[in-house]
Amino acid sequence: MPAAIGGDLHTHTTASDGKLTPRELVRLAGEKGLSTIAVTDHDTVDGLEEALGAASLYGVEVIPGIELSTEWEGRDVHLLGYYIDFEGDRLRSFLLKRQEARYTRCLKIVSRLQELGYPLTWDDVSAVVRGRAVGRLHIAQALVARGFVPSIEFAFSRLLERGRPAYVPRHKLTPAEGVEIIRSCQGVAVLAHPGLIGEDTIIRELAGRGLQGLEAYYPRHSRDETAGYLAMAEELGLLVTGGSDFHGSDVPEHAELGAVTVGEEVIEKLREQACNPGRGAKDPAGGVRTLGEGAEVTCGP
């Protein structure tokens, strides 16, 4: 096994719209020599138990996480939650409602596609969904599988993106509400890929609403963007994180696992934040914080 090369703090599995099962993802991380990965599926924690169970088999630390989809001023804003208590009743209830809203939205998108002359059925979509969290990417994959469009990129740019004819708005959750949800389940709230939002004022707004970190290192950030987010994180007292946003090796719009990694010092700061009672996480006595079956983070006294 190669020497550990750091941590990838943004990955997806078949629990949402990734191509690998949680166990396959952890195994690949071990093969690549990653010391740590965060499993951050979209609006679901269904893959965490399997991923955590595979951690010791492949010598990889697995951080239990999530990626919440929110909306701000007509823009998609994604929030990463790290070291979340994924078995808590509040989070489970919230996510059940989110999954129901995702399902309803996707049904409407399929109906709209049919009206536009694309005879896609719900069975076509179900055939490419391996978890319970269905989304637009699954619809795009189904369109490609049926031969109705040449590529996933085409499906989004012509049909599924905001402003395109088959777009259906999602159930609205504000970024501030997303931060509150993550912190209420003892997680560390980090703004994902800020460069994709297209407007940085949201960072300052959320920093005043409990945001704890910024994903400065991201495959689609330019060098100047990364430098700017590093400076902003320092100014606002935010953690800096990074990750590949891996969905699968054959998903061209996303990077390979480990394409972006962070060092152990970044991961240690994330652990400290998860254990800091003044930041919404841990019992002030220190010790070990349990995050669900097989998951824990050691907090100093």
Foldseek 3Di string as FASTA:
>chain_A
DDAADFEFEAEEDLQAQFDHQLLRVLQVCLVVRHQEYEYAYELDQVRVVVNLVNCVVRNHHYWYKYWYWADDPRFTWIKIWTNFLRPDPVSVVVSVVQLVQQVVQVVQLQVQVVVVPQPDDVVLLVVQRDHSRYHPLSVLVSCCVVVVDVHSVCCQVAADDPPHRSHDDTDHDHPLNVLVSSLQRLIQIETPPPVRRVDCPVVVVVLVSQHAAYALAEPPDDPVSSVVRVVVCVVSVHQYAHHFNHRDPPPVVTDDGPPDRDHPVSVVVNLALSPDVVSRHHDVVFAWDDRDVSDIGGGDD
